[in-house]
Amino acid sequence: MKRVIKSRDEIKDLVDLFYSAVRKDQSIGPIFNQIIGNNWSTHLERMYQFWETLLFASGGFKGSPYQVHEKLPLTENHFNRWLQLFEKTLADNFEGDKADEALSKAENIALIFQYKLGLKQ
């Protein structure tokens, strides 16, 4: 049964499900696993804060996600795969306005990062 994203609990589930898929993915998993190493719990906590801030304006996230990503050897295909996994995680597990908003924000993030990295014109 699909759930509505209404609190940090659902955000944690979304992030955990998504990054579980990312870690196993042959395309982007190796990049994440190499960069994050044994610090997954720290990364996941930051992602809970990030998505809670985006979806509920909690203000808990501080920092610049782009600065972390600009140093990575990323291609347009990596962003496309990241977005596919995020969309599938949402579609399989969540519904409602916040799920739609999360997907829209993820699409915008992927697009903005690709423009900044010079992967799109």
N, C-alpha and C. Protein backbone atom coordinates (compact mmCIF):
# COMPACT_ATOMS: atom_id res chain seq x y z
N MET A 1 0.84 -1.18 0.00
CA MET A 1 0.00 0.00 0.00
C MET A 1 0.89 1.25 0.00
N LYS A 2 0.58 2.19 -0.87
CA LYS A 2 1.34 3.43 -0.95
C LYS A 2 0.99 4.35 0.21
N ARG A 3 2.00 5.11 0.62
CA ARG A 3 1.81 6.02 1.75
C ARG A 3 1.92 7.47 1.29
N VAL A 4 1.37 8.35 2.09
CA VAL A 4 1.47 9.78 1.88
C VAL A 4 2.65 10.29 2.70
N ILE A 5 3.46 11.15 2.11
CA ILE A 5 4.59 11.74 2.84
C ILE A 5 4.04 12.90 3.67
N LYS A 6 4.02 12.68 4.99
CA LYS A 6 3.45 13.71 5.86
C LYS A 6 4.36 14.07 7.03
N SER A 7 5.50 13.37 7.15
CA SER A 7 6.40 13.66 8.27
C SER A 7 7.80 13.14 7.97
N ARG A 8 8.69 13.37 8.90
CA ARG A 8 10.07 12.88 8.78
C ARG A 8 10.10 11.35 8.66
N ASP A 9 9.14 10.67 9.27
CA ASP A 9 9.12 9.21 9.20
C ASP A 9 9.04 8.72 7.76
N GLU A 10 8.17 9.31 6.97
CA GLU A 10 8.04 8.91 5.57
C GLU A 10 9.27 9.35 4.76
N ILE A 11 9.81 10.50 5.10
CA ILE A 11 11.03 10.95 4.42
C ILE A 11 12.16 9.96 4.69
N LYS A 12 12.29 9.52 5.92
CA LYS A 12 13.33 8.53 6.24
C LYS A 12 13.12 7.25 5.43
N ASP A 13 11.88 6.81 5.33
CA ASP A 13 11.61 5.60 4.55
C ASP A 13 11.94 5.82 3.07
N LEU A 14 11.56 6.97 2.53
CA LEU A 14 11.86 7.29 1.14
C LEU A 14 13.37 7.29 0.91
N VAL A 15 14.09 7.99 1.74
CA VAL A 15 15.54 8.09 1.59
C VAL A 15 16.20 6.72 1.75
N ASP A 16 15.78 5.96 2.75
CA ASP A 16 16.36 4.63 2.97
C ASP A 16 16.09 3.69 1.80
N LEU A 17 14.87 3.68 1.30
CA LEU A 17 14.53 2.84 0.15
C LEU A 17 15.31 3.26 -1.09
N PHE A 18 15.37 4.56 -1.32
CA PHE A 18 16.07 5.08 -2.49
C PHE A 18 17.55 4.73 -2.44
N TYR A 19 18.21 5.02 -1.35
CA TYR A 19 19.65 4.76 -1.28
C TYR A 19 19.98 3.28 -1.20
N SER A 20 19.06 2.48 -0.76
CA SER A 20 19.25 1.03 -0.84
C SER A 20 19.34 0.62 -2.31
N ALA A 21 18.46 1.17 -3.14
CA ALA A 21 18.50 0.90 -4.58
C ALA A 21 19.76 1.48 -5.21
N VAL A 22 20.14 2.68 -4.81
CA VAL A 22 21.35 3.33 -5.35
C VAL A 22 22.58 2.48 -5.06
N ARG A 23 22.71 2.02 -3.85
CA ARG A 23 23.90 1.25 -3.45
C ARG A 23 24.07 -0.02 -4.27
N LYS A 24 22.96 -0.60 -4.72
CA LYS A 24 22.99 -1.84 -5.49
C LYS A 24 23.10 -1.61 -7.00
N ASP A 25 22.87 -0.38 -7.42
CA ASP A 25 22.82 -0.08 -8.85
C ASP A 25 24.21 -0.15 -9.48
N GLN A 26 24.30 -0.79 -10.64
CA GLN A 26 25.60 -0.98 -11.30
C GLN A 26 26.14 0.31 -11.90
N SER A 27 25.28 1.24 -12.21
CA SER A 27 25.73 2.50 -12.83
C SER A 27 26.21 3.51 -11.79
N ILE A 28 25.36 3.83 -10.83
CA ILE A 28 25.73 4.88 -9.88
C ILE A 28 26.16 4.36 -8.51
N GLY A 29 25.86 3.11 -8.23
CA GLY A 29 26.24 2.54 -6.94
C GLY A 29 27.72 2.65 -6.64
N PRO A 30 28.59 2.27 -7.57
CA PRO A 30 30.03 2.36 -7.30
C PRO A 30 30.50 3.77 -6.96
N ILE A 31 29.93 4.77 -7.59
CA ILE A 31 30.33 6.15 -7.30
C ILE A 31 29.95 6.51 -5.87
N PHE A 32 28.69 6.25 -5.51
CA PHE A 32 28.24 6.56 -4.16
C PHE A 32 29.02 5.76 -3.12
N ASN A 33 29.18 4.46 -3.36
CA ASN A 33 29.87 3.62 -2.39
C ASN A 33 31.33 4.03 -2.20
N GLN A 34 31.98 4.44 -3.28
CA GLN A 34 33.38 4.87 -3.16
C GLN A 34 33.49 6.18 -2.39
N ILE A 35 32.65 7.14 -2.71
CA ILE A 35 32.72 8.45 -2.07
C ILE A 35 32.27 8.40 -0.61
N ILE A 36 31.19 7.70 -0.36
CA ILE A 36 30.61 7.67 0.99
C ILE A 36 31.32 6.66 1.88
N GLY A 37 31.79 5.57 1.30
CA GLY A 37 32.53 4.57 2.07
C GLY A 37 31.71 4.02 3.22
N ASN A 38 32.26 4.11 4.41
CA ASN A 38 31.59 3.60 5.61
C ASN A 38 30.76 4.67 6.32
N ASN A 39 30.53 5.78 5.66
CA ASN A 39 29.81 6.90 6.29
C ASN A 39 28.36 7.00 5.83
N TRP A 40 27.74 5.87 5.54
CA TRP A 40 26.37 5.90 5.06
C TRP A 40 25.40 6.47 6.09
N SER A 41 25.58 6.17 7.34
CA SER A 41 24.64 6.69 8.34
C SER A 41 24.69 8.22 8.38
N THR A 42 25.87 8.80 8.25
CA THR A 42 26.00 10.26 8.22
C THR A 42 25.34 10.82 6.97
N HIS A 43 25.61 10.19 5.83
CA HIS A 43 25.01 10.65 4.57
C HIS A 43 23.48 10.57 4.63
N LEU A 44 22.97 9.46 5.11
CA LEU A 44 21.52 9.30 5.19
C LEU A 44 20.88 10.35 6.09
N GLU A 45 21.50 10.64 7.21
CA GLU A 45 20.98 11.66 8.11
C GLU A 45 20.93 13.02 7.41
N ARG A 46 21.97 13.34 6.65
CA ARG A 46 21.97 14.60 5.89
C ARG A 46 20.86 14.62 4.84
N MET A 47 20.62 13.47 4.24
CA MET A 47 19.57 13.39 3.23
C MET A 47 18.18 13.50 3.86
N TYR A 48 18.00 12.95 5.07
CA TYR A 48 16.72 13.15 5.78
C TYR A 48 16.49 14.65 5.98
N GLN A 49 17.54 15.33 6.47
CA GLN A 49 17.44 16.77 6.71
C GLN A 49 17.19 17.53 5.41
N PHE A 50 17.89 17.15 4.35
CA PHE A 50 17.75 17.80 3.06
C PHE A 50 16.31 17.73 2.56
N TRP A 51 15.76 16.51 2.51
CA TRP A 51 14.41 16.34 1.98
C TRP A 51 13.35 16.90 2.92
N GLU A 52 13.60 16.84 4.21
CA GLU A 52 12.65 17.44 5.15
C GLU A 52 12.63 18.96 4.96
N THR A 53 13.79 19.55 4.73
CA THR A 53 13.86 20.98 4.48
C THR A 53 13.16 21.34 3.18
N LEU A 54 13.39 20.55 2.12
CA LEU A 54 12.75 20.84 0.84
C LEU A 54 11.24 20.68 0.88
N LEU A 55 10.77 19.64 1.53
CA LEU A 55 9.34 19.33 1.48
C LEU A 55 8.52 20.00 2.58
N PHE A 56 9.17 20.30 3.72
CA PHE A 56 8.42 20.86 4.84
C PHE A 56 9.00 22.18 5.36
N ALA A 57 9.99 22.72 4.63
CA ALA A 57 10.61 23.99 5.02
C ALA A 57 11.04 24.00 6.49
N SER A 58 11.61 22.88 6.91
CA SER A 58 12.02 22.75 8.31
C SER A 58 13.26 23.55 8.64
N GLY A 59 14.07 23.87 7.63
CA GLY A 59 15.28 24.63 7.87
C GLY A 59 16.41 23.84 8.48
N GLY A 60 16.28 22.53 8.58
CA GLY A 60 17.30 21.71 9.23
C GLY A 60 18.54 21.47 8.41
N PHE A 61 18.44 21.59 7.10
CA PHE A 61 19.60 21.31 6.25
C PHE A 61 20.41 22.58 6.04
N LYS A 62 21.70 22.45 6.20
CA LYS A 62 22.63 23.55 5.94
C LYS A 62 23.70 23.01 5.00
N GLY A 63 24.11 23.83 4.06
CA GLY A 63 25.18 23.42 3.17
C GLY A 63 24.80 23.60 1.71
N SER A 64 25.74 23.23 0.85
CA SER A 64 25.56 23.37 -0.59
C SER A 64 25.77 22.02 -1.26
N PRO A 65 24.68 21.34 -1.62
CA PRO A 65 24.82 20.03 -2.26
C PRO A 65 25.63 20.08 -3.55
N TYR A 66 25.52 21.16 -4.29
CA TYR A 66 26.24 21.24 -5.56
C TYR A 66 27.75 21.15 -5.36
N GLN A 67 28.27 21.82 -4.35
CA GLN A 67 29.72 21.82 -4.12
C GLN A 67 30.27 20.41 -3.95
N VAL A 68 29.51 19.54 -3.34
CA VAL A 68 29.95 18.15 -3.17
C VAL A 68 29.96 17.45 -4.52
N HIS A 69 28.97 17.69 -5.34
CA HIS A 69 28.82 16.97 -6.59
C HIS A 69 29.70 17.49 -7.72
N GLU A 70 30.12 18.75 -7.64
CA GLU A 70 30.89 19.31 -8.74
C GLU A 70 32.26 18.65 -8.90
N LYS A 71 32.75 17.99 -7.89
CA LYS A 71 34.06 17.35 -7.94
C LYS A 71 34.00 15.91 -8.42
N LEU A 72 32.80 15.38 -8.61
CA LEU A 72 32.64 13.97 -8.96
C LEU A 72 32.63 13.76 -10.47
N PRO A 73 33.07 12.59 -10.92
CA PRO A 73 33.10 12.29 -12.36
C PRO A 73 31.72 11.86 -12.86
N LEU A 74 30.79 12.79 -12.90
CA LEU A 74 29.41 12.48 -13.24
C LEU A 74 29.09 12.81 -14.69
N THR A 75 28.21 12.00 -15.27
CA THR A 75 27.75 12.22 -16.63
C THR A 75 26.24 12.41 -16.63
N GLU A 76 25.71 12.79 -17.76
CA GLU A 76 24.26 12.92 -17.89
C GLU A 76 23.57 11.59 -17.59
N ASN A 77 24.19 10.48 -18.01
CA ASN A 77 23.62 9.15 -17.73
C ASN A 77 23.52 8.87 -16.24
N HIS A 78 24.49 9.33 -15.47
CA HIS A 78 24.43 9.15 -14.01
C HIS A 78 23.22 9.89 -13.43
N PHE A 79 23.02 11.12 -13.87
CA PHE A 79 21.87 11.88 -13.38
C PHE A 79 20.56 11.24 -13.81
N ASN A 80 20.51 10.76 -15.04
CA ASN A 80 19.30 10.09 -15.51
C ASN A 80 18.99 8.85 -14.68
N ARG A 81 20.02 8.08 -14.36
CA ARG A 81 19.80 6.87 -13.57
C ARG A 81 19.37 7.23 -12.15
N TRP A 82 20.00 8.24 -11.56
CA TRP A 82 19.63 8.71 -10.22
C TRP A 82 18.14 9.08 -10.20
N LEU A 83 17.73 9.81 -11.23
CA LEU A 83 16.34 10.24 -11.31
C LEU A 83 15.40 9.06 -11.54
N GLN A 84 15.79 8.10 -12.35
CA GLN A 84 14.96 6.91 -12.58
C GLN A 84 14.74 6.16 -11.27
N LEU A 85 15.80 5.98 -10.50
CA LEU A 85 15.68 5.26 -9.23
C LEU A 85 14.82 6.04 -8.23
N PHE A 86 14.98 7.35 -8.21
CA PHE A 86 14.18 8.17 -7.30
C PHE A 86 12.70 8.10 -7.69
N GLU A 87 12.44 8.23 -8.98
CA GLU A 87 11.05 8.17 -9.46
C GLU A 87 10.42 6.81 -9.17
N LYS A 88 11.16 5.74 -9.38
CA LYS A 88 10.65 4.39 -9.11
C LYS A 88 10.37 4.20 -7.62
N THR A 89 11.27 4.68 -6.79
CA THR A 89 11.07 4.57 -5.34
C THR A 89 9.79 5.28 -4.93
N LEU A 90 9.59 6.48 -5.44
CA LEU A 90 8.36 7.23 -5.14
C LEU A 90 7.14 6.50 -5.68
N ALA A 91 7.18 6.12 -6.95
CA ALA A 91 6.01 5.50 -7.59
C ALA A 91 5.61 4.19 -6.92
N ASP A 92 6.58 3.43 -6.48
CA ASP A 92 6.30 2.13 -5.86
C ASP A 92 5.79 2.24 -4.42
N ASN A 93 6.10 3.36 -3.74
CA ASN A 93 5.87 3.40 -2.30
C ASN A 93 5.05 4.58 -1.79
N PHE A 94 4.93 5.64 -2.58
CA PHE A 94 4.32 6.86 -2.06
C PHE A 94 3.34 7.45 -3.07
N GLU A 95 2.44 8.27 -2.56
CA GLU A 95 1.48 8.97 -3.41
C GLU A 95 1.15 10.30 -2.75
N GLY A 96 0.47 11.15 -3.50
CA GLY A 96 0.02 12.42 -2.93
C GLY A 96 0.87 13.60 -3.33
N ASP A 97 0.45 14.75 -2.81
CA ASP A 97 1.08 16.02 -3.18
C ASP A 97 2.57 16.07 -2.85
N LYS A 98 2.97 15.61 -1.69
CA LYS A 98 4.38 15.67 -1.30
C LYS A 98 5.23 14.72 -2.13
N ALA A 99 4.69 13.59 -2.53
CA ALA A 99 5.42 12.68 -3.43
C ALA A 99 5.61 13.36 -4.78
N ASP A 100 4.58 14.00 -5.28
CA ASP A 100 4.68 14.74 -6.53
C ASP A 100 5.69 15.88 -6.42
N GLU A 101 5.65 16.57 -5.30
CA GLU A 101 6.58 17.67 -5.07
C GLU A 101 8.02 17.16 -4.98
N ALA A 102 8.22 16.03 -4.32
CA ALA A 102 9.56 15.46 -4.21
C ALA A 102 10.11 15.12 -5.59
N LEU A 103 9.29 14.54 -6.44
CA LEU A 103 9.74 14.21 -7.79
C LEU A 103 10.07 15.47 -8.58
N SER A 104 9.24 16.47 -8.48
CA SER A 104 9.49 17.73 -9.18
C SER A 104 10.80 18.36 -8.71
N LYS A 105 11.03 18.35 -7.43
CA LYS A 105 12.27 18.92 -6.88
C LYS A 105 13.48 18.10 -7.32
N ALA A 106 13.36 16.79 -7.33
CA ALA A 106 14.47 15.93 -7.78
C ALA A 106 14.79 16.20 -9.25
N GLU A 107 13.76 16.34 -10.07
CA GLU A 107 13.98 16.65 -11.49
C GLU A 107 14.70 17.99 -11.65
N ASN A 108 14.28 18.99 -10.87
CA ASN A 108 14.93 20.30 -10.93
C ASN A 108 16.37 20.24 -10.46
N ILE A 109 16.62 19.52 -9.40
CA ILE A 109 17.99 19.38 -8.88
C ILE A 109 18.88 18.75 -9.95
N ALA A 110 18.42 17.66 -10.53
CA ALA A 110 19.21 16.97 -11.55
C ALA A 110 19.50 17.89 -12.73
N LEU A 111 18.50 18.63 -13.16
CA LEU A 111 18.67 19.53 -14.30
C LEU A 111 19.64 20.67 -13.98
N ILE A 112 19.46 21.29 -12.83
CA ILE A 112 20.33 22.40 -12.44
C ILE A 112 21.77 21.93 -12.31
N PHE A 113 21.99 20.80 -11.65
CA PHE A 113 23.35 20.28 -11.50
C PHE A 113 23.98 20.01 -12.86
N GLN A 114 23.20 19.44 -13.79
CA GLN A 114 23.74 19.15 -15.11
C GLN A 114 24.10 20.41 -15.86
N TYR A 115 23.29 21.44 -15.76
CA TYR A 115 23.63 22.72 -16.40
C TYR A 115 24.90 23.31 -15.78
N LYS A 116 24.98 23.30 -14.47
CA LYS A 116 26.15 23.86 -13.80
C LYS A 116 27.42 23.08 -14.14
N LEU A 117 27.29 21.78 -14.32
CA LEU A 117 28.44 20.94 -14.65
C LEU A 117 28.78 20.97 -16.15
N GLY A 118 27.96 21.67 -16.93
CA GLY A 118 28.19 21.75 -18.36
C GLY A 118 27.77 20.51 -19.12
N LEU A 119 26.92 19.69 -18.53
CA LEU A 119 26.46 18.47 -19.18
C LEU A 119 25.25 18.74 -20.08
N LYS A 120 24.60 19.85 -19.86
CA LYS A 120 23.45 20.27 -20.68
C LYS A 120 23.66 21.73 -21.07
N GLN A 121 23.09 22.08 -22.19
CA GLN A 121 23.21 23.46 -22.66
C GLN A 121 21.85 24.07 -22.85
